[in-house]
Amino acid sequence: MDFEIRESVLSDAEQLIEHKLIVTKENPDTLATLIENHYISINEQEETIENVGPNDYKRVAVVDGKIVGIINMKQDLRKKFEHIAQFGISVQQEYAGMGIGSRLIENALEFAKSNEFIEKVMLTVFSNNTGAIRLYERFGFEKEATLTNQVKLEEGYTDLIYMTQWIKK
């Protein structure tokens, strides 16, 4: 199945909300999103689409006109941390294993490497999300810190892992 990766546009707002609802429902123990505790209106989503800084990277993965994956990488705007960008990624389960997540990460890292400000890319991942951890490790991310029992789930707690990659040093 073919897929396209492109920038999101205002007309994607409704599909982006739907995507976030789907992946949150599919991954209740491995994903934390704002949509869990706050409904995102179309206007709020449109503002998010428009609010892309010059050193930010936001893309959607589309299959047959449907958004099935997203990646958002945002530069830290604080002076002492502006060399760092953090990203989050999600792909709907039905489309897992197609290379969508890999391509999204690959493209985001290419963007970061070509950006004059970004030197380090980081992400957070629940320790119970072993598939995602393996994917990030394949792309050169290393575990840098673990916050013990940082995430409260319905059936207990799990750790939050910070993974990083220096792309320029």
N, C-alpha and C. Protein backbone atom coordinates (compact mmCIF):
# COMPACT_ATOMS: atom_id res chain seq x y z
N MET A 1 0.85 -1.18 0.00
CA MET A 1 0.00 0.00 0.00
C MET A 1 0.89 1.24 0.00
N ASP A 2 0.61 2.16 -0.90
CA ASP A 2 1.41 3.38 -1.01
C ASP A 2 0.94 4.41 0.00
N PHE A 3 1.89 5.25 0.43
CA PHE A 3 1.55 6.36 1.31
C PHE A 3 2.34 7.59 0.89
N GLU A 4 1.83 8.72 1.29
CA GLU A 4 2.45 10.01 0.99
C GLU A 4 2.73 10.71 2.31
N ILE A 5 3.86 11.40 2.37
CA ILE A 5 4.16 12.24 3.53
C ILE A 5 4.18 13.68 3.05
N ARG A 6 3.43 14.52 3.76
CA ARG A 6 3.33 15.92 3.35
C ARG A 6 3.08 16.79 4.57
N GLU A 7 3.19 18.10 4.35
CA GLU A 7 2.86 19.05 5.41
C GLU A 7 1.35 19.03 5.63
N SER A 8 0.94 19.28 6.85
CA SER A 8 -0.50 19.36 7.10
C SER A 8 -0.99 20.74 6.69
N VAL A 9 -2.24 20.78 6.27
CA VAL A 9 -2.89 22.01 5.85
C VAL A 9 -4.16 22.19 6.67
N LEU A 10 -4.72 23.39 6.64
CA LEU A 10 -5.89 23.68 7.47
C LEU A 10 -7.03 22.70 7.26
N SER A 11 -7.22 22.26 6.03
CA SER A 11 -8.32 21.34 5.76
C SER A 11 -8.11 19.96 6.39
N ASP A 12 -6.92 19.72 6.96
CA ASP A 12 -6.65 18.45 7.65
C ASP A 12 -7.14 18.45 9.09
N ALA A 13 -7.60 19.57 9.61
CA ALA A 13 -7.89 19.70 11.04
C ALA A 13 -8.80 18.58 11.56
N GLU A 14 -9.89 18.33 10.88
CA GLU A 14 -10.84 17.31 11.35
C GLU A 14 -10.20 15.92 11.35
N GLN A 15 -9.47 15.61 10.28
CA GLN A 15 -8.81 14.29 10.21
C GLN A 15 -7.71 14.15 11.27
N LEU A 16 -7.02 15.23 11.58
CA LEU A 16 -5.98 15.17 12.62
C LEU A 16 -6.60 14.87 13.98
N ILE A 17 -7.72 15.49 14.27
CA ILE A 17 -8.42 15.21 15.53
C ILE A 17 -8.84 13.74 15.56
N GLU A 18 -9.41 13.26 14.47
CA GLU A 18 -9.84 11.86 14.38
C GLU A 18 -8.66 10.92 14.57
N HIS A 19 -7.54 11.24 13.93
CA HIS A 19 -6.34 10.41 14.08
C HIS A 19 -5.91 10.34 15.55
N LYS A 20 -5.88 11.47 16.21
CA LYS A 20 -5.46 11.50 17.62
C LYS A 20 -6.41 10.68 18.49
N LEU A 21 -7.70 10.75 18.19
CA LEU A 21 -8.67 9.95 18.95
C LEU A 21 -8.43 8.46 18.72
N ILE A 22 -8.17 8.08 17.48
CA ILE A 22 -7.95 6.67 17.14
C ILE A 22 -6.71 6.14 17.85
N VAL A 23 -5.57 6.84 17.72
CA VAL A 23 -4.33 6.30 18.30
C VAL A 23 -4.37 6.33 19.83
N THR A 24 -5.09 7.28 20.40
CA THR A 24 -5.22 7.31 21.86
C THR A 24 -6.04 6.11 22.35
N LYS A 25 -7.10 5.78 21.60
CA LYS A 25 -7.92 4.62 21.96
C LYS A 25 -7.16 3.32 21.74
N GLU A 26 -6.36 3.25 20.67
CA GLU A 26 -5.61 2.03 20.35
C GLU A 26 -4.46 1.79 21.34
N ASN A 27 -3.95 2.84 21.93
CA ASN A 27 -2.74 2.74 22.75
C ASN A 27 -2.91 3.36 24.13
N PRO A 28 -3.90 2.93 24.90
CA PRO A 28 -4.17 3.60 26.19
C PRO A 28 -3.03 3.46 27.20
N ASP A 29 -2.19 2.44 27.06
CA ASP A 29 -1.12 2.23 28.03
C ASP A 29 0.27 2.59 27.52
N THR A 30 0.34 3.14 26.30
CA THR A 30 1.66 3.48 25.76
C THR A 30 1.73 4.88 25.16
N LEU A 31 0.64 5.64 25.26
CA LEU A 31 0.60 6.95 24.62
C LEU A 31 -0.13 7.94 25.51
N ALA A 32 0.41 9.13 25.62
CA ALA A 32 -0.25 10.21 26.37
C ALA A 32 -0.51 11.37 25.41
N THR A 33 -1.76 11.78 25.32
CA THR A 33 -2.10 12.91 24.46
C THR A 33 -3.04 13.85 25.20
N LEU A 34 -3.03 15.09 24.78
CA LEU A 34 -3.92 16.07 25.39
C LEU A 34 -5.38 15.74 25.13
N ILE A 35 -5.64 15.04 24.04
CA ILE A 35 -7.02 14.74 23.67
C ILE A 35 -7.67 13.80 24.68
N GLU A 36 -6.87 13.14 25.51
CA GLU A 36 -7.42 12.25 26.54
C GLU A 36 -8.29 13.01 27.54
N ASN A 37 -7.89 14.23 27.85
CA ASN A 37 -8.62 14.96 28.89
C ASN A 37 -9.19 16.28 28.41
N HIS A 38 -9.11 16.55 27.12
CA HIS A 38 -9.62 17.81 26.60
C HIS A 38 -9.97 17.62 25.13
N TYR A 39 -11.23 17.82 24.80
CA TYR A 39 -11.61 17.72 23.40
C TYR A 39 -10.96 18.87 22.64
N ILE A 40 -10.35 18.57 21.53
CA ILE A 40 -9.72 19.59 20.70
C ILE A 40 -10.71 20.01 19.62
N SER A 41 -11.02 21.30 19.59
CA SER A 41 -11.94 21.80 18.57
C SER A 41 -11.20 21.95 17.25
N ILE A 42 -11.97 22.07 16.18
CA ILE A 42 -11.37 22.26 14.87
C ILE A 42 -10.57 23.56 14.86
N ASN A 43 -11.10 24.61 15.50
CA ASN A 43 -10.36 25.88 15.56
C ASN A 43 -9.02 25.72 16.27
N GLU A 44 -9.00 24.98 17.38
CA GLU A 44 -7.75 24.75 18.11
C GLU A 44 -6.77 23.96 17.24
N GLN A 45 -7.27 22.97 16.53
CA GLN A 45 -6.39 22.17 15.67
C GLN A 45 -5.85 23.02 14.53
N GLU A 46 -6.68 23.89 13.97
CA GLU A 46 -6.22 24.78 12.90
C GLU A 46 -5.11 25.70 13.40
N GLU A 47 -5.26 26.20 14.64
CA GLU A 47 -4.21 27.04 15.22
C GLU A 47 -2.90 26.26 15.34
N THR A 48 -3.00 25.00 15.73
CA THR A 48 -1.82 24.15 15.85
C THR A 48 -1.15 23.96 14.48
N ILE A 49 -1.96 23.78 13.46
CA ILE A 49 -1.43 23.61 12.10
C ILE A 49 -0.69 24.87 11.67
N GLU A 50 -1.25 26.02 11.98
CA GLU A 50 -0.65 27.29 11.57
C GLU A 50 0.56 27.67 12.42
N ASN A 51 0.62 27.17 13.65
CA ASN A 51 1.66 27.57 14.59
C ASN A 51 2.90 26.69 14.44
N VAL A 52 3.58 26.85 13.33
CA VAL A 52 4.79 26.08 13.05
C VAL A 52 5.95 27.06 12.96
N GLY A 53 6.89 26.93 13.89
CA GLY A 53 8.06 27.80 13.87
C GLY A 53 9.00 27.44 12.73
N PRO A 54 9.94 28.32 12.43
CA PRO A 54 10.86 28.07 11.31
C PRO A 54 11.76 26.85 11.52
N ASN A 55 11.94 26.44 12.77
CA ASN A 55 12.79 25.29 13.07
C ASN A 55 11.98 24.09 13.54
N ASP A 56 10.68 24.11 13.27
CA ASP A 56 9.79 23.01 13.61
C ASP A 56 9.51 22.18 12.37
N TYR A 57 9.12 20.94 12.59
CA TYR A 57 8.83 20.02 11.49
C TYR A 57 7.55 19.28 11.83
N LYS A 58 6.54 19.45 10.99
CA LYS A 58 5.26 18.76 11.20
C LYS A 58 4.84 18.15 9.87
N ARG A 59 4.58 16.85 9.90
CA ARG A 59 4.16 16.16 8.68
C ARG A 59 3.08 15.15 9.01
N VAL A 60 2.31 14.81 7.97
CA VAL A 60 1.29 13.77 8.09
C VAL A 60 1.61 12.69 7.06
N ALA A 61 1.22 11.47 7.39
CA ALA A 61 1.31 10.35 6.45
C ALA A 61 -0.11 10.06 5.99
N VAL A 62 -0.29 9.94 4.69
CA VAL A 62 -1.63 9.80 4.10
C VAL A 62 -1.69 8.55 3.24
N VAL A 63 -2.73 7.76 3.44
CA VAL A 63 -3.01 6.59 2.62
C VAL A 63 -4.41 6.77 2.04
N ASP A 64 -4.53 6.76 0.74
CA ASP A 64 -5.83 6.91 0.07
C ASP A 64 -6.62 8.09 0.61
N GLY A 65 -5.95 9.22 0.81
CA GLY A 65 -6.61 10.44 1.26
C GLY A 65 -6.87 10.52 2.75
N LYS A 66 -6.49 9.49 3.51
CA LYS A 66 -6.74 9.43 4.95
C LYS A 66 -5.44 9.62 5.72
N ILE A 67 -5.45 10.52 6.71
CA ILE A 67 -4.29 10.71 7.57
C ILE A 67 -4.20 9.51 8.51
N VAL A 68 -3.05 8.81 8.45
CA VAL A 68 -2.86 7.60 9.26
C VAL A 68 -1.64 7.70 10.18
N GLY A 69 -0.89 8.77 10.05
CA GLY A 69 0.29 8.97 10.89
C GLY A 69 0.67 10.43 10.94
N ILE A 70 1.30 10.82 12.04
CA ILE A 70 1.77 12.20 12.18
C ILE A 70 3.10 12.20 12.93
N ILE A 71 3.89 13.22 12.64
CA ILE A 71 5.09 13.50 13.43
C ILE A 71 5.17 15.01 13.62
N ASN A 72 5.48 15.40 14.83
CA ASN A 72 5.65 16.81 15.17
C ASN A 72 6.98 16.94 15.89
N MET A 73 7.86 17.77 15.34
CA MET A 73 9.14 18.04 16.00
C MET A 73 9.21 19.54 16.23
N LYS A 74 9.46 19.91 17.48
CA LYS A 74 9.43 21.31 17.87
C LYS A 74 10.74 21.69 18.55
N GLN A 75 11.30 22.79 18.10
CA GLN A 75 12.51 23.32 18.72
C GLN A 75 12.16 23.97 20.05
N ASP A 76 13.00 23.75 21.04
CA ASP A 76 12.85 24.43 22.33
C ASP A 76 13.25 25.89 22.11
N LEU A 77 12.39 26.81 22.48
CA LEU A 77 12.63 28.23 22.19
C LEU A 77 13.43 28.94 23.28
N ARG A 78 13.68 28.28 24.39
CA ARG A 78 14.48 28.90 25.45
C ARG A 78 15.94 28.92 25.00
N LYS A 79 16.59 30.07 25.16
CA LYS A 79 17.94 30.30 24.63
C LYS A 79 18.92 29.16 24.95
N LYS A 80 18.95 28.72 26.19
CA LYS A 80 19.92 27.70 26.60
C LYS A 80 19.57 26.30 26.09
N PHE A 81 18.37 26.16 25.54
CA PHE A 81 17.92 24.85 25.06
C PHE A 81 17.55 24.87 23.57
N GLU A 82 17.81 25.98 22.90
CA GLU A 82 17.35 26.08 21.51
C GLU A 82 18.07 25.14 20.56
N HIS A 83 19.09 24.47 21.03
CA HIS A 83 19.80 23.48 20.19
C HIS A 83 19.08 22.13 20.21
N ILE A 84 17.98 22.04 20.97
CA ILE A 84 17.26 20.77 21.13
C ILE A 84 15.88 20.85 20.46
N ALA A 85 15.53 19.80 19.78
CA ALA A 85 14.17 19.65 19.24
C ALA A 85 13.60 18.35 19.79
N GLN A 86 12.33 18.38 20.14
CA GLN A 86 11.67 17.18 20.66
C GLN A 86 10.57 16.78 19.69
N PHE A 87 10.44 15.47 19.49
CA PHE A 87 9.37 15.03 18.59
C PHE A 87 8.47 13.99 19.23
N GLY A 88 7.28 13.92 18.66
CA GLY A 88 6.31 12.89 18.98
C GLY A 88 5.77 12.34 17.67
N ILE A 89 5.44 11.07 17.68
CA ILE A 89 4.99 10.40 16.45
C ILE A 89 3.88 9.42 16.79
N SER A 90 2.96 9.24 15.86
CA SER A 90 1.94 8.21 16.03
C SER A 90 1.51 7.70 14.66
N VAL A 91 1.26 6.40 14.60
CA VAL A 91 0.75 5.75 13.39
C VAL A 91 -0.37 4.83 13.83
N GLN A 92 -1.48 4.87 13.11
CA GLN A 92 -2.61 4.00 13.45
C GLN A 92 -2.21 2.54 13.28
N GLN A 93 -2.70 1.69 14.18
CA GLN A 93 -2.30 0.27 14.21
C GLN A 93 -2.55 -0.43 12.88
N GLU A 94 -3.63 -0.11 12.23
CA GLU A 94 -3.97 -0.75 10.96
C GLU A 94 -2.88 -0.55 9.91
N TYR A 95 -2.09 0.52 10.07
CA TYR A 95 -1.07 0.88 9.09
C TYR A 95 0.35 0.64 9.61
N ALA A 96 0.47 -0.01 10.75
CA ALA A 96 1.79 -0.33 11.30
C ALA A 96 2.47 -1.38 10.43
N GLY A 97 3.77 -1.35 10.39
CA GLY A 97 4.52 -2.34 9.62
C GLY A 97 4.68 -2.01 8.15
N MET A 98 4.18 -0.86 7.73
CA MET A 98 4.28 -0.45 6.33
C MET A 98 5.48 0.46 6.07
N GLY A 99 6.22 0.79 7.12
CA GLY A 99 7.35 1.70 6.96
C GLY A 99 6.99 3.16 7.15
N ILE A 100 5.75 3.43 7.54
CA ILE A 100 5.32 4.82 7.70
C ILE A 100 6.07 5.49 8.84
N GLY A 101 6.13 4.84 9.99
CA GLY A 101 6.83 5.42 11.13
C GLY A 101 8.30 5.65 10.82
N SER A 102 8.92 4.68 10.18
CA SER A 102 10.34 4.82 9.82
C SER A 102 10.55 6.00 8.88
N ARG A 103 9.71 6.13 7.89
CA ARG A 103 9.87 7.24 6.94
C ARG A 103 9.63 8.58 7.62
N LEU A 104 8.64 8.65 8.50
CA LEU A 104 8.39 9.90 9.22
C LEU A 104 9.62 10.30 10.04
N ILE A 105 10.19 9.34 10.76
CA ILE A 105 11.37 9.63 11.58
C ILE A 105 12.56 9.99 10.70
N GLU A 106 12.77 9.23 9.66
CA GLU A 106 13.89 9.48 8.74
C GLU A 106 13.83 10.90 8.18
N ASN A 107 12.65 11.31 7.72
CA ASN A 107 12.50 12.65 7.15
C ASN A 107 12.70 13.73 8.20
N ALA A 108 12.20 13.50 9.42
CA ALA A 108 12.37 14.49 10.49
C ALA A 108 13.84 14.64 10.85
N LEU A 109 14.57 13.52 10.90
CA LEU A 109 16.00 13.60 11.21
C LEU A 109 16.78 14.29 10.10
N GLU A 110 16.39 14.07 8.85
CA GLU A 110 17.03 14.78 7.73
C GLU A 110 16.81 16.27 7.88
N PHE A 111 15.58 16.66 8.24
CA PHE A 111 15.28 18.08 8.46
C PHE A 111 16.16 18.63 9.57
N ALA A 112 16.25 17.91 10.69
CA ALA A 112 17.03 18.38 11.83
C ALA A 112 18.51 18.53 11.46
N LYS A 113 19.03 17.57 10.72
CA LYS A 113 20.45 17.63 10.34
C LYS A 113 20.74 18.82 9.43
N SER A 114 19.77 19.21 8.62
CA SER A 114 19.97 20.33 7.70
C SER A 114 19.68 21.67 8.36
N ASN A 115 19.16 21.66 9.58
CA ASN A 115 18.80 22.89 10.29
C ASN A 115 20.02 23.40 11.06
N GLU A 116 20.32 24.67 10.90
CA GLU A 116 21.53 25.22 11.53
C GLU A 116 21.45 25.31 13.04
N PHE A 117 20.27 25.27 13.63
CA PHE A 117 20.11 25.45 15.07
C PHE A 117 20.02 24.13 15.84
N ILE A 118 19.43 23.13 15.23
CA ILE A 118 19.16 21.87 15.95
C ILE A 118 20.42 21.01 15.98
N GLU A 119 20.85 20.66 17.20
CA GLU A 119 22.01 19.80 17.39
C GLU A 119 21.64 18.46 18.01
N LYS A 120 20.53 18.44 18.73
CA LYS A 120 20.14 17.25 19.48
C LYS A 120 18.64 17.06 19.32
N VAL A 121 18.25 15.82 19.08
CA VAL A 121 16.83 15.49 18.97
C VAL A 121 16.49 14.57 20.13
N MET A 122 15.35 14.82 20.76
CA MET A 122 14.95 14.00 21.90
C MET A 122 13.48 13.61 21.78
N LEU A 123 13.13 12.59 22.54
CA LEU A 123 11.75 12.13 22.61
C LEU A 123 11.55 11.47 23.96
N THR A 124 10.30 11.29 24.32
CA THR A 124 9.98 10.50 25.51
C THR A 124 9.12 9.32 25.07
N VAL A 125 9.30 8.21 25.77
CA VAL A 125 8.55 6.99 25.43
C VAL A 125 8.29 6.23 26.72
N PHE A 126 7.11 5.64 26.82
CA PHE A 126 6.80 4.80 27.98
C PHE A 126 7.67 3.55 27.91
N SER A 127 8.16 3.10 29.06
CA SER A 127 9.05 1.94 29.09
C SER A 127 8.36 0.66 28.62
N ASN A 128 7.03 0.62 28.68
CA ASN A 128 6.30 -0.57 28.24
C ASN A 128 6.06 -0.58 26.73
N ASN A 129 6.49 0.44 26.03
CA ASN A 129 6.31 0.53 24.58
C ASN A 129 7.59 0.02 23.89
N THR A 130 7.83 -1.27 24.04
CA THR A 130 9.10 -1.86 23.59
C THR A 130 9.29 -1.79 22.08
N GLY A 131 8.21 -1.89 21.32
CA GLY A 131 8.32 -1.80 19.87
C GLY A 131 8.82 -0.43 19.44
N ALA A 132 8.29 0.62 20.05
CA ALA A 132 8.72 1.98 19.73
C ALA A 132 10.18 2.18 20.14
N ILE A 133 10.55 1.67 21.30
CA ILE A 133 11.93 1.81 21.77
C ILE A 133 12.89 1.17 20.77
N ARG A 134 12.56 -0.02 20.29
CA ARG A 134 13.41 -0.68 19.28
C ARG A 134 13.51 0.15 18.00
N LEU A 135 12.39 0.72 17.57
CA LEU A 135 12.39 1.57 16.37
C LEU A 135 13.32 2.76 16.57
N TYR A 136 13.19 3.44 17.70
CA TYR A 136 14.04 4.61 17.96
C TYR A 136 15.51 4.22 18.03
N GLU A 137 15.80 3.08 18.63
CA GLU A 137 17.19 2.61 18.70
C GLU A 137 17.75 2.32 17.31
N ARG A 138 16.92 1.80 16.41
CA ARG A 138 17.37 1.56 15.03
C ARG A 138 17.79 2.85 14.35
N PHE A 139 17.19 3.96 14.76
CA PHE A 139 17.53 5.25 14.18
C PHE A 139 18.63 5.97 14.95
N GLY A 140 19.26 5.29 15.90
CA GLY A 140 20.40 5.86 16.59
C GLY A 140 20.09 6.57 17.89
N PHE A 141 18.85 6.50 18.34
CA PHE A 141 18.51 7.11 19.63
C PHE A 141 19.01 6.23 20.76
N GLU A 142 19.45 6.88 21.82
CA GLU A 142 19.93 6.16 23.00
C GLU A 142 19.13 6.59 24.22
N LYS A 143 18.96 5.67 25.14
CA LYS A 143 18.28 6.00 26.39
C LYS A 143 19.21 6.89 27.21
N GLU A 144 18.71 8.05 27.58
CA GLU A 144 19.53 8.99 28.33
C GLU A 144 19.10 9.11 29.78
N ALA A 145 17.81 8.96 30.03
CA ALA A 145 17.32 9.06 31.41
C ALA A 145 16.02 8.29 31.54
N THR A 146 15.78 7.80 32.73
CA THR A 146 14.53 7.11 33.04
C THR A 146 13.92 7.73 34.28
N LEU A 147 12.68 8.14 34.17
CA LEU A 147 11.93 8.65 35.31
C LEU A 147 11.04 7.52 35.81
N THR A 148 11.36 7.00 36.96
CA THR A 148 10.69 5.82 37.51
C THR A 148 9.25 6.13 37.90
N ASN A 149 8.34 5.26 37.48
CA ASN A 149 6.91 5.38 37.80
C ASN A 149 6.35 6.77 37.48
N GLN A 150 6.83 7.37 36.43
CA GLN A 150 6.41 8.72 36.05
C GLN A 150 5.01 8.73 35.44
N VAL A 151 4.60 7.61 34.85
CA VAL A 151 3.33 7.54 34.13
C VAL A 151 2.34 6.71 34.93
N LYS A 152 1.19 7.31 35.22
CA LYS A 152 0.15 6.59 35.97
C LYS A 152 -0.86 6.02 34.99
N LEU A 153 -0.97 4.70 34.99
CA LEU A 153 -1.92 4.00 34.14
C LEU A 153 -3.05 3.46 35.00
N GLU A 154 -4.09 2.95 34.37
CA GLU A 154 -5.21 2.39 35.12
C GLU A 154 -4.77 1.22 36.00
N GLU A 155 -3.81 0.45 35.53
CA GLU A 155 -3.40 -0.76 36.25
C GLU A 155 -2.04 -0.60 36.93
N GLY A 156 -1.63 0.62 37.23
CA GLY A 156 -0.36 0.83 37.90
C GLY A 156 0.45 1.93 37.26
N TYR A 157 1.76 1.79 37.34
CA TYR A 157 2.67 2.82 36.84
C TYR A 157 3.66 2.21 35.86
N THR A 158 4.23 3.08 35.03
CA THR A 158 5.33 2.68 34.16
C THR A 158 6.33 3.82 34.11
N ASP A 159 7.53 3.51 33.70
CA ASP A 159 8.58 4.51 33.63
C ASP A 159 8.47 5.33 32.35
N LEU A 160 9.02 6.53 32.39
CA LEU A 160 9.13 7.38 31.21
C LEU A 160 10.60 7.47 30.85
N ILE A 161 10.92 7.11 29.62
CA ILE A 161 12.31 7.09 29.16
C ILE A 161 12.55 8.28 28.24
N TYR A 162 13.62 8.99 28.50
CA TYR A 162 14.09 10.04 27.60
C TYR A 162 15.13 9.42 26.68
N MET A 163 14.90 9.54 25.39
CA MET A 163 15.84 9.03 24.39
C MET A 163 16.33 10.22 23.57
N THR A 164 17.62 10.22 23.25
CA THR A 164 18.19 11.35 22.53
C THR A 164 19.13 10.87 21.44
N GLN A 165 19.39 11.80 20.54
CA GLN A 165 20.39 11.58 19.50
C GLN A 165 21.06 12.91 19.21
N TRP A 166 22.37 12.94 19.36
CA TRP A 166 23.13 14.12 18.94
C TRP A 166 23.32 14.01 17.43
N ILE A 167 22.83 14.98 16.70
CA ILE A 167 23.00 14.95 15.24
C ILE A 167 24.14 15.86 14.80
N LYS A 168 24.54 16.76 15.70
CA LYS A 168 25.72 17.62 15.48
C LYS A 168 26.37 17.81 16.83
N LYS A 169 27.67 17.74 16.85
CA LYS A 169 28.37 17.96 18.12
C LYS A 169 29.63 18.74 17.90
